[in-house]
Amino acid sequence: MKKEYSFTVAIEPCKEGGYFGTCPSIPGCHVQGETYEETLRELKAAIKAMIEDYIEDKEVLPAGEVAFTTVKVAV
């Protein structure tokens, strides 16, 4: 039986074109793609591969809990 995991991801447009995606909970988990959809697809594949590596190496998986908030800064 497969287990489902949830992780917060961030995808942002690159100045030079395309998109950059990252999963803040998993160190080193980031991808680039030409479109938003491609970047999301590649990011899911990268997360899956990294989780499989954690499991294979019998390491504790990252918690997957990241909080984003907004701050106001007066300048």
Protein backbone atom coordinates (compact mmCIF):
# COMPACT_ATOMS: atom_id res chain seq x y z
CA MET A 1 0.00 0.00 0.00
CA LYS A 2 1.34 3.43 -0.93
CA LYS A 3 1.38 6.30 1.55
CA GLU A 4 0.49 9.81 0.44
CA TYR A 5 2.59 12.76 1.62
CA SER A 6 1.83 16.49 1.49
CA PHE A 7 4.48 19.16 1.13
CA THR A 8 4.30 22.89 0.59
CA VAL A 9 6.00 23.93 -2.64
CA ALA A 10 6.84 27.30 -4.16
CA ILE A 11 6.90 27.98 -7.90
CA GLU A 12 7.97 31.35 -9.22
CA PRO A 13 8.68 32.78 -12.65
CA CYS A 14 12.32 33.34 -13.61
CA LYS A 15 13.43 36.69 -14.98
CA GLU A 16 15.10 34.94 -17.93
CA GLY A 17 11.98 32.87 -18.66
CA GLY A 18 10.57 29.63 -17.37
CA TYR A 19 9.90 28.76 -13.73
CA PHE A 20 11.79 27.71 -10.62
CA GLY A 21 10.19 25.34 -8.13
CA THR A 22 11.32 24.32 -4.67
CA CYS A 23 10.12 22.26 -1.73
CA PRO A 24 11.36 24.14 1.36
CA SER A 25 10.92 21.10 3.66
CA ILE A 26 13.34 18.94 1.68
CA PRO A 27 16.86 20.38 1.49
CA GLY A 28 18.14 20.47 -2.08
CA CYS A 29 14.77 19.76 -3.66
CA HIS A 30 14.41 22.23 -6.52
CA VAL A 31 13.72 22.13 -10.27
CA GLN A 32 13.34 24.39 -13.28
CA GLY A 33 10.87 24.13 -16.14
CA GLU A 34 9.69 26.02 -19.21
CA THR A 35 6.06 26.19 -18.03
CA TYR A 36 4.30 26.26 -14.66
CA GLU A 37 2.78 22.84 -15.36
CA GLU A 38 6.12 21.30 -16.36
CA THR A 39 7.78 22.73 -13.25
CA LEU A 40 5.04 21.34 -11.00
CA ARG A 41 5.29 17.92 -12.68
CA GLU A 42 9.10 17.88 -12.32
CA LEU A 43 8.85 19.05 -8.70
CA LYS A 44 6.45 16.20 -7.85
CA ALA A 45 8.87 13.73 -9.47
CA ALA A 46 11.82 15.19 -7.52
CA ILE A 47 9.92 15.01 -4.22
CA LYS A 48 8.91 11.40 -4.93
CA ALA A 49 12.51 10.42 -5.74
CA MET A 50 13.85 12.11 -2.62
CA ILE A 51 11.22 10.46 -0.38
CA GLU A 52 12.14 7.08 -1.89
CA ASP A 53 15.80 7.80 -1.08
CA TYR A 54 14.93 8.71 2.53
CA ILE A 55 12.96 5.48 2.90
CA GLU A 56 15.64 3.34 1.22
CA ASP A 57 18.33 4.85 3.46
CA LYS A 58 16.08 4.38 6.53
CA GLU A 59 16.28 8.11 7.30
CA VAL A 60 13.57 10.12 9.01
CA LEU A 61 11.43 11.97 6.47
CA PRO A 62 11.14 15.76 6.76
CA ALA A 63 7.96 16.83 8.55
CA GLY A 64 6.60 18.67 5.52
CA GLU A 65 5.33 21.55 7.61
CA VAL A 66 6.38 24.98 6.43
CA ALA A 67 4.57 28.19 7.28
CA PHE A 68 4.45 31.19 4.99
CA THR A 69 3.37 34.58 6.24
CA THR A 70 3.46 38.22 5.22
CA VAL A 71 5.41 40.87 7.07
CA LYS A 72 5.25 44.65 6.78
CA VAL A 73 8.51 46.57 6.69
CA ALA A 74 8.67 50.35 6.85
CA VAL A 75 11.56 51.92 4.96
